[in-house]
Amino acid sequence: MKAWAARAEPSHWQAGSNNHVLNSILIRFSTTAFGVSHLSLRLPALLGALLLMLTAALLARRLFATWRGQCVFFIALAANPLVMDYVVAARGYGLALAFLAGQFLVLFHIYMTRNEKPPLRPPRLAAISSLLAALAFSSNFSFAIISGVTWLFSLSLLCLHGPA
């Protein structure tokens, strides 16, 4: 991360297999604002972890009616030690997972409200899904395929429901 976020020139904009652009930009901002420390280097990862926890809680509430089901889903998705190991790494995984979970939340919203009246607002939902896909990809490039597939699936669901 130091190779991308600590240079004098704005190298965090350069795409590379080891440079996760959004994560590098946020690390550069946090180290500029708070100085270089373990906490400031991991601040974007902690932000991603917080966003993942909030999104997982929202998904759990939307998917399950019972409190027990919500807790099991939340623990399996967000409080899982395997997931937590990735979330705390200053590599953009936490941000990417949070934005991907947000895409699933939008996808679930589209699917569950497809028969409601008044109709959905497809342009707004398409914009939100597109933004979340772009943020997940720019957080960590290894999320490109799953983010793109989720984005295409949500857009196809929106197209099936017709115009707003």
N, C-alpha and C. Protein backbone atom coordinates (compact mmCIF):
# COMPACT_ATOMS: atom_id res chain seq x y z
N MET A 1 0.82 -1.19 0.00
CA MET A 1 0.00 0.00 0.00
C MET A 1 0.86 1.25 0.00
N LYS A 2 2.02 1.15 0.68
CA LYS A 2 2.90 2.30 0.76
C LYS A 2 3.37 2.74 -0.62
N ALA A 3 3.51 1.78 -1.53
CA ALA A 3 3.99 2.11 -2.87
C ALA A 3 2.99 2.98 -3.62
N TRP A 4 1.73 2.93 -3.27
CA TRP A 4 0.71 3.69 -3.99
C TRP A 4 0.21 4.91 -3.22
N ALA A 5 0.06 4.80 -1.93
CA ALA A 5 -0.56 5.88 -1.15
C ALA A 5 0.44 6.88 -0.60
N ALA A 6 1.72 6.52 -0.49
CA ALA A 6 2.68 7.40 0.18
C ALA A 6 3.56 8.19 -0.78
N ARG A 7 3.44 8.01 -2.06
CA ARG A 7 4.28 8.75 -2.99
C ARG A 7 3.90 10.23 -3.02
N ALA A 8 4.85 11.06 -3.41
CA ALA A 8 4.58 12.50 -3.51
C ALA A 8 3.65 12.80 -4.68
N GLU A 9 3.85 12.12 -5.80
CA GLU A 9 2.96 12.32 -6.95
C GLU A 9 1.67 11.52 -6.73
N PRO A 10 0.59 11.90 -7.41
CA PRO A 10 -0.70 11.21 -7.19
C PRO A 10 -0.74 9.84 -7.87
N SER A 11 0.03 8.90 -7.37
CA SER A 11 0.11 7.57 -7.97
C SER A 11 -1.08 6.69 -7.61
N HIS A 12 -1.88 7.11 -6.65
CA HIS A 12 -3.03 6.29 -6.26
C HIS A 12 -4.07 6.20 -7.37
N TRP A 13 -4.00 7.06 -8.39
CA TRP A 13 -4.93 6.99 -9.52
C TRP A 13 -4.53 5.95 -10.55
N GLN A 14 -3.27 5.48 -10.50
CA GLN A 14 -2.81 4.52 -11.48
C GLN A 14 -3.40 3.15 -11.19
N ALA A 15 -4.04 2.57 -12.20
CA ALA A 15 -4.61 1.24 -12.03
C ALA A 15 -3.48 0.21 -12.09
N GLY A 16 -3.55 -0.76 -11.26
CA GLY A 16 -2.56 -1.82 -11.22
C GLY A 16 -3.10 -2.99 -10.43
N SER A 17 -2.50 -4.16 -10.63
CA SER A 17 -3.01 -5.34 -9.94
C SER A 17 -2.83 -5.25 -8.43
N ASN A 18 -1.90 -4.46 -7.97
CA ASN A 18 -1.67 -4.31 -6.54
C ASN A 18 -2.22 -2.99 -6.01
N ASN A 19 -2.80 -2.17 -6.87
CA ASN A 19 -3.34 -0.88 -6.44
C ASN A 19 -4.86 -0.91 -6.55
N HIS A 20 -5.51 -0.91 -5.43
CA HIS A 20 -6.96 -0.86 -5.39
C HIS A 20 -7.31 0.62 -5.20
N VAL A 21 -7.75 1.24 -6.26
CA VAL A 21 -7.77 2.70 -6.40
C VAL A 21 -8.51 3.39 -5.26
N LEU A 22 -9.74 3.01 -5.01
CA LEU A 22 -10.52 3.69 -3.96
C LEU A 22 -9.87 3.51 -2.59
N ASN A 23 -9.39 2.32 -2.32
CA ASN A 23 -8.72 2.07 -1.05
C ASN A 23 -7.46 2.93 -0.93
N SER A 24 -6.67 3.03 -2.00
CA SER A 24 -5.46 3.85 -1.96
C SER A 24 -5.77 5.33 -1.76
N ILE A 25 -6.82 5.80 -2.41
CA ILE A 25 -7.23 7.20 -2.24
C ILE A 25 -7.65 7.47 -0.80
N LEU A 26 -8.45 6.58 -0.23
CA LEU A 26 -8.90 6.77 1.15
C LEU A 26 -7.75 6.65 2.14
N ILE A 27 -6.80 5.76 1.88
CA ILE A 27 -5.63 5.67 2.75
C ILE A 27 -4.81 6.96 2.66
N ARG A 28 -4.68 7.48 1.45
CA ARG A 28 -3.92 8.73 1.29
C ARG A 28 -4.60 9.87 2.05
N PHE A 29 -5.94 9.96 1.96
CA PHE A 29 -6.67 10.99 2.70
C PHE A 29 -6.52 10.81 4.21
N SER A 30 -6.65 9.58 4.70
CA SER A 30 -6.59 9.36 6.15
C SER A 30 -5.19 9.59 6.69
N THR A 31 -4.15 9.21 5.94
CA THR A 31 -2.79 9.46 6.43
C THR A 31 -2.42 10.93 6.34
N THR A 32 -2.99 11.64 5.36
CA THR A 32 -2.75 13.08 5.28
C THR A 32 -3.44 13.80 6.45
N ALA A 33 -4.64 13.37 6.77
CA ALA A 33 -5.39 14.04 7.83
C ALA A 33 -4.90 13.67 9.22
N PHE A 34 -4.53 12.41 9.45
CA PHE A 34 -4.22 11.95 10.81
C PHE A 34 -2.77 11.51 10.99
N GLY A 35 -1.95 11.63 9.96
CA GLY A 35 -0.57 11.16 10.06
C GLY A 35 -0.51 9.66 9.84
N VAL A 36 0.67 9.14 9.68
CA VAL A 36 0.83 7.71 9.42
C VAL A 36 0.86 6.95 10.74
N SER A 37 -0.10 6.07 10.89
CA SER A 37 -0.16 5.19 12.06
C SER A 37 -0.91 3.93 11.63
N HIS A 38 -0.92 2.94 12.51
CA HIS A 38 -1.65 1.71 12.19
C HIS A 38 -3.14 1.99 12.02
N LEU A 39 -3.66 2.88 12.82
CA LEU A 39 -5.08 3.20 12.73
C LEU A 39 -5.41 3.98 11.47
N SER A 40 -4.60 4.98 11.11
CA SER A 40 -4.91 5.76 9.91
C SER A 40 -4.74 4.94 8.64
N LEU A 41 -3.83 3.98 8.63
CA LEU A 41 -3.68 3.11 7.46
C LEU A 41 -4.85 2.15 7.33
N ARG A 42 -5.45 1.79 8.44
CA ARG A 42 -6.57 0.84 8.40
C ARG A 42 -7.93 1.53 8.48
N LEU A 43 -7.96 2.83 8.52
CA LEU A 43 -9.23 3.55 8.62
C LEU A 43 -10.20 3.23 7.48
N PRO A 44 -9.76 3.18 6.21
CA PRO A 44 -10.69 2.77 5.15
C PRO A 44 -11.20 1.34 5.33
N ALA A 45 -10.34 0.45 5.84
CA ALA A 45 -10.78 -0.92 6.09
C ALA A 45 -11.83 -0.96 7.20
N LEU A 46 -11.63 -0.14 8.23
CA LEU A 46 -12.62 -0.08 9.31
C LEU A 46 -13.93 0.53 8.83
N LEU A 47 -13.84 1.51 7.94
CA LEU A 47 -15.04 2.08 7.32
C LEU A 47 -15.78 1.01 6.53
N GLY A 48 -15.03 0.21 5.77
CA GLY A 48 -15.62 -0.89 5.02
C GLY A 48 -16.27 -1.90 5.93
N ALA A 49 -15.62 -2.21 7.06
CA ALA A 49 -16.19 -3.16 8.01
C ALA A 49 -17.50 -2.63 8.59
N LEU A 50 -17.52 -1.35 8.92
CA LEU A 50 -18.75 -0.75 9.45
C LEU A 50 -19.87 -0.77 8.41
N LEU A 51 -19.53 -0.42 7.17
CA LEU A 51 -20.54 -0.46 6.11
C LEU A 51 -21.04 -1.88 5.86
N LEU A 52 -20.13 -2.85 5.94
CA LEU A 52 -20.53 -4.25 5.76
C LEU A 52 -21.47 -4.69 6.87
N MET A 53 -21.17 -4.30 8.11
CA MET A 53 -22.04 -4.67 9.23
C MET A 53 -23.43 -4.06 9.08
N LEU A 54 -23.49 -2.79 8.69
CA LEU A 54 -24.79 -2.13 8.50
C LEU A 54 -25.57 -2.76 7.36
N THR A 55 -24.90 -3.03 6.25
CA THR A 55 -25.58 -3.62 5.10
C THR A 55 -26.03 -5.04 5.40
N ALA A 56 -25.20 -5.80 6.12
CA ALA A 56 -25.58 -7.16 6.50
C ALA A 56 -26.79 -7.15 7.43
N ALA A 57 -26.84 -6.18 8.33
CA ALA A 57 -28.00 -6.07 9.22
C ALA A 57 -29.26 -5.73 8.43
N LEU A 58 -29.14 -4.82 7.46
CA LEU A 58 -30.30 -4.48 6.62
C LEU A 58 -30.74 -5.67 5.78
N LEU A 59 -29.79 -6.40 5.22
CA LEU A 59 -30.14 -7.60 4.45
C LEU A 59 -30.82 -8.64 5.33
N ALA A 60 -30.31 -8.83 6.53
CA ALA A 60 -30.90 -9.80 7.44
C ALA A 60 -32.34 -9.43 7.79
N ARG A 61 -32.58 -8.15 8.01
CA ARG A 61 -33.95 -7.70 8.33
C ARG A 61 -34.89 -7.89 7.15
N ARG A 62 -34.37 -7.69 5.92
CA ARG A 62 -35.21 -7.85 4.73
C ARG A 62 -35.48 -9.31 4.40
N LEU A 63 -34.50 -10.18 4.66
CA LEU A 63 -34.63 -11.58 4.27
C LEU A 63 -35.39 -12.44 5.26
N PHE A 64 -35.25 -12.15 6.56
CA PHE A 64 -35.80 -13.03 7.58
C PHE A 64 -36.75 -12.26 8.49
N ALA A 65 -37.85 -12.90 8.82
CA ALA A 65 -38.85 -12.27 9.69
C ALA A 65 -38.52 -12.50 11.17
N THR A 66 -37.90 -13.63 11.47
CA THR A 66 -37.61 -13.95 12.86
C THR A 66 -36.26 -13.39 13.28
N TRP A 67 -36.17 -13.10 14.56
CA TRP A 67 -34.92 -12.57 15.11
C TRP A 67 -33.80 -13.61 15.03
N ARG A 68 -34.15 -14.87 15.22
CA ARG A 68 -33.16 -15.94 15.17
C ARG A 68 -32.57 -16.07 13.77
N GLY A 69 -33.41 -16.02 12.75
CA GLY A 69 -32.92 -16.09 11.38
C GLY A 69 -32.03 -14.91 11.03
N GLN A 70 -32.41 -13.74 11.52
CA GLN A 70 -31.60 -12.55 11.27
C GLN A 70 -30.23 -12.67 11.91
N CYS A 71 -30.17 -13.18 13.14
CA CYS A 71 -28.89 -13.34 13.83
C CYS A 71 -28.00 -14.35 13.13
N VAL A 72 -28.57 -15.48 12.73
CA VAL A 72 -27.78 -16.51 12.06
C VAL A 72 -27.23 -15.97 10.74
N PHE A 73 -28.07 -15.27 9.98
CA PHE A 73 -27.62 -14.71 8.71
C PHE A 73 -26.53 -13.67 8.92
N PHE A 74 -26.72 -12.80 9.89
CA PHE A 74 -25.74 -11.76 10.17
C PHE A 74 -24.40 -12.35 10.58
N ILE A 75 -24.43 -13.35 11.45
CA ILE A 75 -23.19 -13.99 11.90
C ILE A 75 -22.52 -14.69 10.73
N ALA A 76 -23.29 -15.37 9.90
CA ALA A 76 -22.70 -16.08 8.76
C ALA A 76 -22.12 -15.12 7.73
N LEU A 77 -22.73 -13.95 7.56
CA LEU A 77 -22.26 -13.02 6.53
C LEU A 77 -21.20 -12.07 7.03
N ALA A 78 -21.41 -11.44 8.15
CA ALA A 78 -20.53 -10.36 8.57
C ALA A 78 -19.63 -10.69 9.74
N ALA A 79 -20.11 -11.47 10.69
CA ALA A 79 -19.31 -11.75 11.88
C ALA A 79 -18.53 -13.06 11.75
N ASN A 80 -18.47 -13.60 10.58
CA ASN A 80 -17.74 -14.81 10.29
C ASN A 80 -16.24 -14.53 10.39
N PRO A 81 -15.46 -15.37 11.08
CA PRO A 81 -14.02 -15.10 11.20
C PRO A 81 -13.30 -15.09 9.85
N LEU A 82 -13.76 -15.86 8.89
CA LEU A 82 -13.12 -15.86 7.58
C LEU A 82 -13.34 -14.52 6.87
N VAL A 83 -14.53 -13.96 7.02
CA VAL A 83 -14.82 -12.66 6.42
C VAL A 83 -14.09 -11.57 7.19
N MET A 84 -14.08 -11.65 8.51
CA MET A 84 -13.43 -10.63 9.33
C MET A 84 -11.93 -10.55 9.05
N ASP A 85 -11.32 -11.66 8.68
CA ASP A 85 -9.90 -11.65 8.35
C ASP A 85 -9.64 -10.78 7.12
N TYR A 86 -10.54 -10.81 6.14
CA TYR A 86 -10.38 -9.97 4.96
C TYR A 86 -10.76 -8.52 5.23
N VAL A 87 -11.72 -8.31 6.09
CA VAL A 87 -12.23 -6.96 6.33
C VAL A 87 -11.18 -6.07 7.01
N VAL A 88 -10.37 -6.64 7.88
CA VAL A 88 -9.41 -5.82 8.60
C VAL A 88 -8.13 -5.55 7.81
N ALA A 89 -7.92 -6.24 6.71
CA ALA A 89 -6.73 -6.01 5.89
C ALA A 89 -6.88 -4.69 5.14
N ALA A 90 -5.82 -3.93 5.08
CA ALA A 90 -5.86 -2.62 4.41
C ALA A 90 -5.65 -2.82 2.91
N ARG A 91 -6.54 -3.58 2.28
CA ARG A 91 -6.41 -3.90 0.87
C ARG A 91 -7.69 -3.61 0.08
N GLY A 92 -8.72 -3.13 0.72
CA GLY A 92 -9.94 -2.78 0.01
C GLY A 92 -11.00 -3.87 0.01
N TYR A 93 -10.71 -5.00 0.63
CA TYR A 93 -11.69 -6.09 0.64
C TYR A 93 -12.94 -5.72 1.43
N GLY A 94 -12.77 -5.05 2.55
CA GLY A 94 -13.92 -4.67 3.36
C GLY A 94 -14.85 -3.72 2.64
N LEU A 95 -14.27 -2.72 1.98
CA LEU A 95 -15.09 -1.79 1.19
C LEU A 95 -15.80 -2.51 0.06
N ALA A 96 -15.06 -3.37 -0.65
CA ALA A 96 -15.66 -4.09 -1.77
C ALA A 96 -16.78 -5.02 -1.30
N LEU A 97 -16.58 -5.72 -0.19
CA LEU A 97 -17.63 -6.58 0.35
C LEU A 97 -18.85 -5.77 0.77
N ALA A 98 -18.63 -4.61 1.35
CA ALA A 98 -19.75 -3.76 1.76
C ALA A 98 -20.55 -3.29 0.55
N PHE A 99 -19.86 -2.86 -0.50
CA PHE A 99 -20.58 -2.39 -1.69
C PHE A 99 -21.26 -3.55 -2.42
N LEU A 100 -20.65 -4.73 -2.40
CA LEU A 100 -21.29 -5.90 -3.01
C LEU A 100 -22.54 -6.29 -2.22
N ALA A 101 -22.46 -6.25 -0.90
CA ALA A 101 -23.64 -6.53 -0.09
C ALA A 101 -24.73 -5.48 -0.35
N GLY A 102 -24.32 -4.24 -0.60
CA GLY A 102 -25.29 -3.21 -0.99
C GLY A 102 -25.95 -3.52 -2.32
N GLN A 103 -25.18 -4.07 -3.26
CA GLN A 103 -25.76 -4.47 -4.53
C GLN A 103 -26.80 -5.57 -4.33
N PHE A 104 -26.49 -6.53 -3.45
CA PHE A 104 -27.45 -7.59 -3.16
C PHE A 104 -28.70 -7.03 -2.49
N LEU A 105 -28.54 -6.02 -1.67
CA LEU A 105 -29.68 -5.38 -1.03
C LEU A 105 -30.58 -4.71 -2.07
N VAL A 106 -29.98 -4.02 -3.03
CA VAL A 106 -30.75 -3.40 -4.11
C VAL A 106 -31.43 -4.47 -4.96
N LEU A 107 -30.70 -5.53 -5.26
CA LEU A 107 -31.25 -6.63 -6.06
C LEU A 107 -32.44 -7.27 -5.35
N PHE A 108 -32.31 -7.50 -4.06
CA PHE A 108 -33.40 -8.06 -3.29
C PHE A 108 -34.59 -7.11 -3.25
N HIS A 109 -34.33 -5.81 -3.13
CA HIS A 109 -35.41 -4.82 -3.13
C HIS A 109 -36.16 -4.84 -4.47
N ILE A 110 -35.42 -4.91 -5.56
CA ILE A 110 -36.04 -4.96 -6.88
C ILE A 110 -36.92 -6.20 -7.00
N TYR A 111 -36.40 -7.33 -6.56
CA TYR A 111 -37.14 -8.59 -6.69
C TYR A 111 -38.39 -8.61 -5.81
N MET A 112 -38.28 -8.12 -4.58
CA MET A 112 -39.41 -8.21 -3.66
C MET A 112 -40.50 -7.18 -3.93
N THR A 113 -40.17 -6.08 -4.58
CA THR A 113 -41.19 -5.05 -4.82
C THR A 113 -41.63 -5.03 -6.28
N ARG A 114 -41.41 -6.10 -7.00
CA ARG A 114 -41.71 -6.10 -8.44
C ARG A 114 -43.19 -6.01 -8.75
N ASN A 115 -44.05 -6.43 -7.84
CA ASN A 115 -45.49 -6.41 -8.11
C ASN A 115 -46.22 -5.31 -7.34
N GLU A 116 -45.50 -4.43 -6.67
CA GLU A 116 -46.14 -3.40 -5.88
C GLU A 116 -46.60 -2.24 -6.75
N LYS A 117 -47.63 -1.56 -6.28
CA LYS A 117 -48.11 -0.34 -6.90
C LYS A 117 -47.96 0.78 -5.90
N PRO A 118 -47.50 1.95 -6.21
CA PRO A 118 -47.03 2.42 -7.51
C PRO A 118 -45.76 1.69 -7.92
N PRO A 119 -45.46 1.72 -9.21
CA PRO A 119 -44.32 0.94 -9.70
C PRO A 119 -42.99 1.45 -9.16
N LEU A 120 -41.98 0.63 -9.34
CA LEU A 120 -40.63 0.99 -8.92
C LEU A 120 -40.13 2.22 -9.66
N ARG A 121 -39.09 2.77 -9.19
CA ARG A 121 -38.40 3.85 -9.89
C ARG A 121 -37.11 3.27 -10.48
N PRO A 122 -37.23 2.61 -11.64
CA PRO A 122 -36.06 1.93 -12.20
C PRO A 122 -34.84 2.82 -12.45
N PRO A 123 -34.99 4.07 -12.90
CA PRO A 123 -33.76 4.85 -13.11
C PRO A 123 -32.97 5.06 -11.82
N ARG A 124 -33.65 5.31 -10.72
CA ARG A 124 -32.97 5.51 -9.45
C ARG A 124 -32.31 4.22 -8.97
N LEU A 125 -33.02 3.10 -9.07
CA LEU A 125 -32.45 1.82 -8.64
C LEU A 125 -31.29 1.41 -9.55
N ALA A 126 -31.42 1.68 -10.84
CA ALA A 126 -30.32 1.36 -11.77
C ALA A 126 -29.10 2.21 -11.46
N ALA A 127 -29.31 3.46 -11.10
CA ALA A 127 -28.19 4.34 -10.75
C ALA A 127 -27.52 3.88 -9.46
N ILE A 128 -28.31 3.47 -8.49
CA ILE A 128 -27.75 2.99 -7.23
C ILE A 128 -26.96 1.70 -7.46
N SER A 129 -27.53 0.79 -8.22
CA SER A 129 -26.84 -0.47 -8.52
C SER A 129 -25.55 -0.22 -9.29
N SER A 130 -25.58 0.69 -10.24
CA SER A 130 -24.39 1.01 -11.01
C SER A 130 -23.31 1.64 -10.14
N LEU A 131 -23.72 2.55 -9.26
CA LEU A 131 -22.77 3.20 -8.35
C LEU A 131 -22.12 2.19 -7.42
N LEU A 132 -22.92 1.29 -6.86
CA LEU A 132 -22.38 0.28 -5.96
C LEU A 132 -21.44 -0.68 -6.69
N ALA A 133 -21.77 -1.03 -7.93
CA ALA A 133 -20.89 -1.89 -8.72
C ALA A 133 -19.56 -1.20 -9.00
N ALA A 134 -19.62 0.08 -9.36
CA ALA A 134 -18.39 0.82 -9.63
C ALA A 134 -17.55 0.99 -8.37
N LEU A 135 -18.18 1.23 -7.24
CA LEU A 135 -17.44 1.38 -5.99
C LEU A 135 -16.81 0.06 -5.54
N ALA A 136 -17.53 -1.05 -5.72
CA ALA A 136 -16.97 -2.36 -5.37
C ALA A 136 -15.76 -2.67 -6.25
N PHE A 137 -15.88 -2.37 -7.54
CA PHE A 137 -14.77 -2.63 -8.45
C PHE A 137 -13.57 -1.74 -8.14
N SER A 138 -13.81 -0.47 -7.88
CA SER A 138 -12.69 0.42 -7.60
C SER A 138 -12.10 0.19 -6.22
N SER A 139 -12.83 -0.44 -5.31
CA SER A 139 -12.27 -0.78 -4.01
C SER A 139 -11.28 -1.92 -4.11
N ASN A 140 -11.61 -2.90 -4.93
CA ASN A 140 -10.73 -4.05 -5.13
C ASN A 140 -11.07 -4.67 -6.48
N PHE A 141 -10.09 -4.73 -7.37
CA PHE A 141 -10.33 -5.17 -8.74
C PHE A 141 -10.75 -6.64 -8.82
N SER A 142 -10.49 -7.44 -7.81
CA SER A 142 -10.87 -8.84 -7.87
C SER A 142 -12.39 -9.03 -7.74
N PHE A 143 -13.12 -7.97 -7.45
CA PHE A 143 -14.57 -8.05 -7.36
C PHE A 143 -15.25 -7.68 -8.69
N ALA A 144 -14.50 -7.58 -9.76
CA ALA A 144 -15.04 -7.13 -11.04
C ALA A 144 -16.11 -8.08 -11.57
N ILE A 145 -15.86 -9.37 -11.56
CA ILE A 145 -16.79 -10.32 -12.18
C ILE A 145 -18.08 -10.40 -11.39
N ILE A 146 -18.00 -10.62 -10.08
CA ILE A 146 -19.23 -10.76 -9.29
C ILE A 146 -20.01 -9.46 -9.25
N SER A 147 -19.31 -8.35 -9.22
CA SER A 147 -19.98 -7.06 -9.20
C SER A 147 -20.68 -6.81 -10.54
N GLY A 148 -20.01 -7.13 -11.62
CA GLY A 148 -20.61 -6.96 -12.95
C GLY A 148 -21.80 -7.87 -13.17
N VAL A 149 -21.71 -9.12 -12.72
CA VAL A 149 -22.82 -10.06 -12.87
C VAL A 149 -24.02 -9.60 -12.05
N THR A 150 -23.78 -9.16 -10.82
CA THR A 150 -24.87 -8.66 -9.98
C THR A 150 -25.50 -7.42 -10.59
N TRP A 151 -24.68 -6.54 -11.15
CA TRP A 151 -25.18 -5.33 -11.80
C TRP A 151 -26.04 -5.70 -13.02
N LEU A 152 -25.55 -6.61 -13.86
CA LEU A 152 -26.33 -7.02 -15.04
C LEU A 152 -27.64 -7.70 -14.64
N PHE A 153 -27.61 -8.50 -13.59
CA PHE A 153 -28.81 -9.17 -13.13
C PHE A 153 -29.84 -8.17 -12.61
N SER A 154 -29.39 -7.16 -11.86
CA SER A 154 -30.34 -6.17 -11.35
C SER A 154 -30.90 -5.33 -12.50
N LEU A 155 -30.07 -4.98 -13.48
CA LEU A 155 -30.58 -4.23 -14.63
C LEU A 155 -31.56 -5.05 -15.45
N SER A 156 -31.30 -6.36 -15.59
CA SER A 156 -32.24 -7.19 -16.34
C SER A 156 -33.55 -7.32 -15.60
N LEU A 157 -33.52 -7.40 -14.27
CA LEU A 157 -34.77 -7.42 -13.50
C LEU A 157 -35.53 -6.11 -13.66
N LEU A 158 -34.82 -5.00 -13.66
CA LEU A 158 -35.48 -3.70 -13.87
C LEU A 158 -36.09 -3.61 -15.25
N CYS A 159 -35.41 -4.12 -16.26
CA CYS A 159 -35.95 -4.08 -17.63
C CYS A 159 -37.18 -4.97 -17.77
N LEU A 160 -37.24 -6.07 -17.04
CA LEU A 160 -38.39 -6.96 -17.12
C LEU A 160 -39.66 -6.32 -16.55
N HIS A 161 -39.49 -5.36 -15.65
CA HIS A 161 -40.66 -4.73 -15.02
C HIS A 161 -41.19 -3.55 -15.80
N GLY A 162 -40.55 -3.19 -16.88
CA GLY A 162 -41.05 -2.11 -17.74
C GLY A 162 -40.67 -0.73 -17.24
N PRO A 163 -41.13 0.30 -17.94
CA PRO A 163 -40.77 1.68 -17.56
C PRO A 163 -41.46 2.11 -16.28
N ALA A 164 -40.89 3.17 -15.68
CA ALA A 164 -41.45 3.69 -14.42
C ALA A 164 -42.75 4.39 -14.64
